[in-house]
Amino acid sequence: VPSVTDAWVEIALGTGAISDNGTYSFGL
């Protein structure tokens, strides 16, 4: 939940979201 103007947003991904070397695409 972004709550502050001009601030970083941190989103922890669930287990298994990145499983190995490679190219991944994520969207918001």
PDB file of all heavy atoms in Angstrom:
ATOM      1  N   VAL A   1       0.848  -1.187   0.000  1.00  0.00           N
ATOM      2  CA  VAL A   1       0.000   0.000   0.000  1.00  0.00           C
ATOM      3  C   VAL A   1       0.886   1.240   0.000  1.00  0.00           C
ATOM      4  O   VAL A   1       1.477   1.571   1.025  1.00  0.00           O
ATOM      5  CB  VAL A   1      -0.934   0.019   1.235  1.00  0.00           C
ATOM      6  CG1 VAL A   1      -1.799   1.260   1.226  1.00  0.00           C
ATOM      7  CG2 VAL A   1      -1.773  -1.235   1.290  1.00  0.00           C
ATOM      8  N   PRO A   2       0.994   1.921  -1.144  1.00  0.00           N
ATOM      9  CA  PRO A   2       1.760   3.166  -1.137  1.00  0.00           C
ATOM     10  C   PRO A   2       1.019   4.204  -0.313  1.00  0.00           C
ATOM     11  O   PRO A   2      -0.181   4.373  -0.457  1.00  0.00           O
ATOM     12  CB  PRO A   2       1.816   3.578  -2.607  1.00  0.00           C
ATOM     13  CG  PRO A   2       0.962   2.635  -3.355  1.00  0.00           C
ATOM     14  CD  PRO A   2       0.465   1.578  -2.433  1.00  0.00           C
ATOM     15  N   SER A   3       1.714   4.859   0.604  1.00  0.00           N
ATOM     16  CA  SER A   3       1.018   5.804   1.468  1.00  0.00           C
ATOM     17  C   SER A   3       1.675   7.177   1.530  1.00  0.00           C
ATOM     18  O   SER A   3       1.130   8.083   2.118  1.00  0.00           O
ATOM     19  CB  SER A   3       0.917   5.229   2.883  1.00  0.00           C
ATOM     20  OG  SER A   3       2.207   4.983   3.390  1.00  0.00           O
ATOM     21  N   VAL A   4       2.845   7.329   0.934  1.00  0.00           N
ATOM     22  CA  VAL A   4       3.565   8.587   1.031  1.00  0.00           C
ATOM     23  C   VAL A   4       3.964   9.055  -0.365  1.00  0.00           C
ATOM     24  O   VAL A   4       4.414   8.255  -1.187  1.00  0.00           O
ATOM     25  CB  VAL A   4       4.830   8.418   1.907  1.00  0.00           C
ATOM     26  CG1 VAL A   4       5.581   9.720   2.021  1.00  0.00           C
ATOM     27  CG2 VAL A   4       4.465   7.891   3.281  1.00  0.00           C
ATOM     28  N   THR A   5       3.830  10.326  -0.623  1.00  0.00           N
ATOM     29  CA  THR A   5       4.229  10.886  -1.909  1.00  0.00           C
ATOM     30  C   THR A   5       5.743  10.823  -2.070  1.00  0.00           C
ATOM     31  O   THR A   5       6.478  11.074  -1.122  1.00  0.00           O
ATOM     32  CB  THR A   5       3.750  12.351  -2.006  1.00  0.00           C
ATOM     33  OG1 THR A   5       2.333  12.373  -1.849  1.00  0.00           O
ATOM     34  CG2 THR A   5       4.140  12.973  -3.339  1.00  0.00           C
ATOM     35  N   ASP A   6       6.186  10.491  -3.282  1.00  0.00           N
ATOM     36  CA  ASP A   6       7.616  10.427  -3.622  1.00  0.00           C
ATOM     37  C   ASP A   6       8.391   9.498  -2.700  1.00  0.00           C
ATOM     38  O   ASP A   6       9.466   9.833  -2.206  1.00  0.00           O
ATOM     39  CB  ASP A   6       8.246  11.822  -3.604  1.00  0.00           C
ATOM     40  CG  ASP A   6       7.711  12.700  -4.717  1.00  0.00           C
ATOM     41  OD1 ASP A   6       7.356  12.156  -5.785  1.00  0.00           O
ATOM     42  OD2 ASP A   6       7.642  13.924  -4.524  1.00  0.00           O
ATOM     43  N   ALA A   7       7.848   8.320  -2.465  1.00  0.00           N
ATOM     44  CA  ALA A   7       8.505   7.354  -1.582  1.00  0.00           C
ATOM     45  C   ALA A   7       8.573   5.996  -2.274  1.00  0.00           C
ATOM     46  O   ALA A   7       7.825   5.716  -3.200  1.00  0.00           O
ATOM     47  CB  ALA A   7       7.740   7.220  -0.266  1.00  0.00           C
ATOM     48  N   TRP A   8       9.490   5.157  -1.824  1.00  0.00           N
ATOM     49  CA  TRP A   8       9.587   3.789  -2.315  1.00  0.00           C
ATOM     50  C   TRP A   8       8.365   2.996  -1.877  1.00  0.00           C
ATOM     51  O   TRP A   8       7.803   3.234  -0.816  1.00  0.00           O
ATOM     52  CB  TRP A   8      10.818   3.110  -1.727  1.00  0.00           C
ATOM     53  CG  TRP A   8      12.110   3.609  -2.266  1.00  0.00           C
ATOM     54  CD1 TRP A   8      12.925   4.537  -1.695  1.00  0.00           C
ATOM     55  CD2 TRP A   8      12.728   3.215  -3.481  1.00  0.00           C
ATOM     56  NE1 TRP A   8      14.021   4.747  -2.487  1.00  0.00           N
ATOM     57  CE2 TRP A   8      13.933   3.944  -3.586  1.00  0.00           C
ATOM     58  CE3 TRP A   8      12.394   2.326  -4.492  1.00  0.00           C
ATOM     59  CZ2 TRP A   8      14.790   3.800  -4.662  1.00  0.00           C
ATOM     60  CZ3 TRP A   8      13.261   2.193  -5.557  1.00  0.00           C
ATOM     61  CH2 TRP A   8      14.435   2.922  -5.634  1.00  0.00           C
ATOM     62  N   VAL A   9       7.989   2.027  -2.690  1.00  0.00           N
ATOM     63  CA  VAL A   9       6.952   1.068  -2.325  1.00  0.00           C
ATOM     64  C   VAL A   9       7.622  -0.287  -2.285  1.00  0.00           C
ATOM     65  O   VAL A   9       8.247  -0.702  -3.252  1.00  0.00           O
ATOM     66  CB  VAL A   9       5.792   1.059  -3.353  1.00  0.00           C
ATOM     67  CG1 VAL A   9       4.793  -0.029  -3.024  1.00  0.00           C
ATOM     68  CG2 VAL A   9       5.124   2.418  -3.415  1.00  0.00           C
ATOM     69  N   GLU A  10       7.519  -0.970  -1.168  1.00  0.00           N
ATOM     70  CA  GLU A  10       8.130  -2.289  -1.025  1.00  0.00           C
ATOM     71  C   GLU A  10       7.041  -3.343  -1.040  1.00  0.00           C
ATOM     72  O   GLU A  10       6.064  -3.253  -0.301  1.00  0.00           O
ATOM     73  CB  GLU A  10       8.895  -2.373   0.294  1.00  0.00           C
ATOM     74  CG  GLU A  10       9.616  -3.681   0.474  1.00  0.00           C
ATOM     75  CD  GLU A  10      10.492  -3.682   1.709  1.00  0.00           C
ATOM     76  OE1 GLU A  10      11.138  -2.655   1.990  1.00  0.00           O
ATOM     77  OE2 GLU A  10      10.510  -4.719   2.393  1.00  0.00           O
ATOM     78  N   ILE A  11       7.203  -4.328  -1.916  1.00  0.00           N
ATOM     79  CA  ILE A  11       6.238  -5.416  -2.030  1.00  0.00           C
ATOM     80  C   ILE A  11       6.997  -6.730  -1.927  1.00  0.00           C
ATOM     81  O   ILE A  11       7.832  -7.033  -2.769  1.00  0.00           O
ATOM     82  CB  ILE A  11       5.459  -5.349  -3.358  1.00  0.00           C
ATOM     83  CG1 ILE A  11       4.712  -4.013  -3.458  1.00  0.00           C
ATOM     84  CG2 ILE A  11       4.498  -6.523  -3.473  1.00  0.00           C
ATOM     85  CD1 ILE A  11       4.054  -3.770  -4.789  1.00  0.00           C
ATOM     86  N   ALA A  12       6.717  -7.479  -0.872  1.00  0.00           N
ATOM     87  CA  ALA A  12       7.346  -8.790  -0.694  1.00  0.00           C
ATOM     88  C   ALA A  12       6.592  -9.807  -1.536  1.00  0.00           C
ATOM     89  O   ALA A  12       5.369  -9.904  -1.459  1.00  0.00           O
ATOM     90  CB  ALA A  12       7.319  -9.179   0.777  1.00  0.00           C
ATOM     91  N   LEU A  13       7.313 -10.547  -2.363  1.00  0.00           N
ATOM     92  CA  LEU A  13       6.690 -11.556  -3.211  1.00  0.00           C
ATOM     93  C   LEU A  13       6.591 -12.877  -2.467  1.00  0.00           C
ATOM     94  O   LEU A  13       7.440 -13.197  -1.645  1.00  0.00           O
ATOM     95  CB  LEU A  13       7.504 -11.754  -4.494  1.00  0.00           C
ATOM     96  CG  LEU A  13       7.701 -10.508  -5.353  1.00  0.00           C
ATOM     97  CD1 LEU A  13       8.502 -10.855  -6.588  1.00  0.00           C
ATOM     98  CD2 LEU A  13       6.381  -9.888  -5.723  1.00  0.00           C
ATOM     99  N   GLY A  14       5.576 -13.641  -2.793  1.00  0.00           N
ATOM    100  CA  GLY A  14       5.383 -14.938  -2.170  1.00  0.00           C
ATOM    101  C   GLY A  14       6.447 -15.942  -2.582  1.00  0.00           C
ATOM    102  O   GLY A  14       7.146 -15.772  -3.580  1.00  0.00           O
ATOM    103  N   THR A  15       6.575 -16.988  -1.815  1.00  0.00           N
ATOM    104  CA  THR A  15       7.527 -18.055  -2.093  1.00  0.00           C
ATOM    105  C   THR A  15       7.270 -18.640  -3.478  1.00  0.00           C
ATOM    106  O   THR A  15       6.137 -18.905  -3.842  1.00  0.00           O
ATOM    107  CB  THR A  15       7.395 -19.169  -1.035  1.00  0.00           C
ATOM    108  OG1 THR A  15       7.590 -18.580   0.245  1.00  0.00           O
ATOM    109  CG2 THR A  15       8.408 -20.271  -1.262  1.00  0.00           C
ATOM    110  N   GLY A  16       8.318 -18.810  -4.245  1.00  0.00           N
ATOM    111  CA  GLY A  16       8.195 -19.403  -5.573  1.00  0.00           C
ATOM    112  C   GLY A  16       7.963 -18.399  -6.681  1.00  0.00           C
ATOM    113  O   GLY A  16       7.868 -18.774  -7.847  1.00  0.00           O
ATOM    114  N   ALA A  17       7.866 -17.100  -6.351  1.00  0.00           N
ATOM    115  CA  ALA A  17       7.644 -16.094  -7.392  1.00  0.00           C
ATOM    116  C   ALA A  17       8.830 -16.041  -8.351  1.00  0.00           C
ATOM    117  O   ALA A  17       8.670 -15.854  -9.544  1.00  0.00           O
ATOM    118  CB  ALA A  17       7.414 -14.725  -6.768  1.00  0.00           C
ATOM    119  N   ILE A  18      10.031 -16.223  -7.813  1.00  0.00           N
ATOM    120  CA  ILE A  18      11.246 -16.306  -8.625  1.00  0.00           C
ATOM    121  C   ILE A  18      11.902 -17.620  -8.248  1.00  0.00           C
ATOM    122  O   ILE A  18      12.316 -17.810  -7.115  1.00  0.00           O
ATOM    123  CB  ILE A  18      12.194 -15.127  -8.346  1.00  0.00           C
ATOM    124  CG1 ILE A  18      11.503 -13.818  -8.712  1.00  0.00           C
ATOM    125  CG2 ILE A  18      13.490 -15.287  -9.112  1.00  0.00           C
ATOM    126  CD1 ILE A  18      12.293 -12.589  -8.375  1.00  0.00           C
ATOM    127  N   SER A  19      11.973 -18.528  -9.197  1.00  0.00           N
ATOM    128  CA  SER A  19      12.445 -19.868  -8.869  1.00  0.00           C
ATOM    129  C   SER A  19      13.841 -20.190  -9.398  1.00  0.00           C
ATOM    130  O   SER A  19      14.458 -21.147  -8.954  1.00  0.00           O
ATOM    131  CB  SER A  19      11.458 -20.903  -9.400  1.00  0.00           C
ATOM    132  OG  SER A  19      11.309 -20.758 -10.789  1.00  0.00           O
ATOM    133  N   ASP A  20      14.342 -19.409 -10.362  1.00  0.00           N
ATOM    134  CA  ASP A  20      15.632 -19.732 -10.964  1.00  0.00           C
ATOM    135  C   ASP A  20      16.120 -18.520 -11.748  1.00  0.00           C
ATOM    136  O   ASP A  20      15.405 -17.525 -11.872  1.00  0.00           O
ATOM    137  CB  ASP A  20      15.486 -20.938 -11.897  1.00  0.00           C
ATOM    138  CG  ASP A  20      16.795 -21.689 -12.109  1.00  0.00           C
ATOM    139  OD1 ASP A  20      17.858 -21.196 -11.674  1.00  0.00           O
ATOM    140  OD2 ASP A  20      16.756 -22.770 -12.711  1.00  0.00           O
ATOM    141  N   ASN A  21      17.318 -18.596 -12.301  1.00  0.00           N
ATOM    142  CA  ASN A  21      17.804 -17.545 -13.179  1.00  0.00           C
ATOM    143  C   ASN A  21      16.868 -17.434 -14.375  1.00  0.00           C
ATOM    144  O   ASN A  21      16.302 -18.419 -14.821  1.00  0.00           O
ATOM    145  CB  ASN A  21      19.215 -17.862 -13.675  1.00  0.00           C
ATOM    146  CG  ASN A  21      20.245 -17.773 -12.581  1.00  0.00           C
ATOM    147  OD1 ASN A  21      20.067 -17.031 -11.620  1.00  0.00           O
ATOM    148  ND2 ASN A  21      21.311 -18.525 -12.719  1.00  0.00           N
ATOM    149  N   GLY A  22      16.706 -16.239 -14.901  1.00  0.00           N
ATOM    150  CA  GLY A  22      15.855 -16.078 -16.071  1.00  0.00           C
ATOM    151  C   GLY A  22      15.289 -14.675 -16.158  1.00  0.00           C
ATOM    152  O   GLY A  22      15.659 -13.787 -15.406  1.00  0.00           O
ATOM    153  N   THR A  23      14.376 -14.487 -17.075  1.00  0.00           N
ATOM    154  CA  THR A  23      13.703 -13.216 -17.278  1.00  0.00           C
ATOM    155  C   THR A  23      12.288 -13.319 -16.736  1.00  0.00           C
ATOM    156  O   THR A  23      11.576 -14.277 -17.034  1.00  0.00           O
ATOM    157  CB  THR A  23      13.657 -12.861 -18.780  1.00  0.00           C
ATOM    158  OG1 THR A  23      15.002 -12.814 -19.281  1.00  0.00           O
ATOM    159  CG2 THR A  23      12.979 -11.533 -19.014  1.00  0.00           C
ATOM    160  N   TYR A  24      11.893 -12.345 -15.949  1.00  0.00           N
ATOM    161  CA  TYR A  24      10.568 -12.335 -15.340  1.00  0.00           C
ATOM    162  C   TYR A  24       9.874 -11.014 -15.637  1.00  0.00           C
ATOM    163  O   TYR A  24      10.528  -9.983 -15.769  1.00  0.00           O
ATOM    164  CB  TYR A  24      10.674 -12.508 -13.815  1.00  0.00           C
ATOM    165  CG  TYR A  24      11.194 -13.868 -13.409  1.00  0.00           C
ATOM    166  CD1 TYR A  24      12.555 -14.122 -13.322  1.00  0.00           C
ATOM    167  CD2 TYR A  24      10.312 -14.890 -13.130  1.00  0.00           C
ATOM    168  CE1 TYR A  24      13.033 -15.369 -12.959  1.00  0.00           C
ATOM    169  CE2 TYR A  24      10.772 -16.140 -12.763  1.00  0.00           C
ATOM    170  CZ  TYR A  24      12.137 -16.371 -12.678  1.00  0.00           C
ATOM    171  OH  TYR A  24      12.593 -17.610 -12.323  1.00  0.00           O
ATOM    172  N   SER A  25       8.566 -11.038 -15.732  1.00  0.00           N
ATOM    173  CA  SER A  25       7.770  -9.824 -15.911  1.00  0.00           C
ATOM    174  C   SER A  25       6.820  -9.700 -14.730  1.00  0.00           C
ATOM    175  O   SER A  25       6.170 -10.675 -14.346  1.00  0.00           O
ATOM    176  CB  SER A  25       6.952  -9.883 -17.202  1.00  0.00           C
ATOM    177  OG  SER A  25       7.798  -9.911 -18.325  1.00  0.00           O
ATOM    178  N   PHE A  26       6.764  -8.508 -14.158  1.00  0.00           N
ATOM    179  CA  PHE A  26       5.860  -8.237 -13.048  1.00  0.00           C
ATOM    180  C   PHE A  26       5.040  -7.006 -13.390  1.00  0.00           C
ATOM    181  O   PHE A  26       5.514  -6.099 -14.054  1.00  0.00           O
ATOM    182  CB  PHE A  26       6.641  -7.961 -11.753  1.00  0.00           C
ATOM    183  CG  PHE A  26       7.458  -9.128 -11.287  1.00  0.00           C
ATOM    184  CD1 PHE A  26       8.801  -9.212 -11.579  1.00  0.00           C
ATOM    185  CD2 PHE A  26       6.865 -10.145 -10.555  1.00  0.00           C
ATOM    186  CE1 PHE A  26       9.562 -10.286 -11.150  1.00  0.00           C
ATOM    187  CE2 PHE A  26       7.609 -11.227 -10.128  1.00  0.00           C
ATOM    188  CZ  PHE A  26       8.957 -11.292 -10.421  1.00  0.00           C
ATOM    189  N   GLY A  27       3.827  -6.972 -12.915  1.00  0.00           N
ATOM    190  CA  GLY A  27       2.969  -5.811 -13.136  1.00  0.00           C
ATOM    191  C   GLY A  27       2.349  -5.363 -11.838  1.00  0.00           C
ATOM    192  O   GLY A  27       2.268  -6.126 -10.877  1.00  0.00           O
ATOM    193  N   LEU A  28       1.916  -4.125 -11.807  1.00  0.00           N
ATOM    194  CA  LEU A  28       1.210  -3.582 -10.657  1.00  0.00           C
ATOM    195  C   LEU A  28      -0.236  -3.359 -11.053  1.00  0.00           C
ATOM    196  O   LEU A  28      -0.522  -2.765 -12.093  1.00  0.00           O
ATOM    197  CB  LEU A  28       1.831  -2.247 -10.222  1.00  0.00           C
ATOM    198  CG  LEU A  28       3.290  -2.293  -9.800  1.00  0.00           C
ATOM    199  CD1 LEU A  28       3.795  -0.882  -9.549  1.00  0.00           C
ATOM    200  CD2 LEU A  28       3.460  -3.139  -8.557  1.00  0.00           C
TER     201      LEU A  28
END
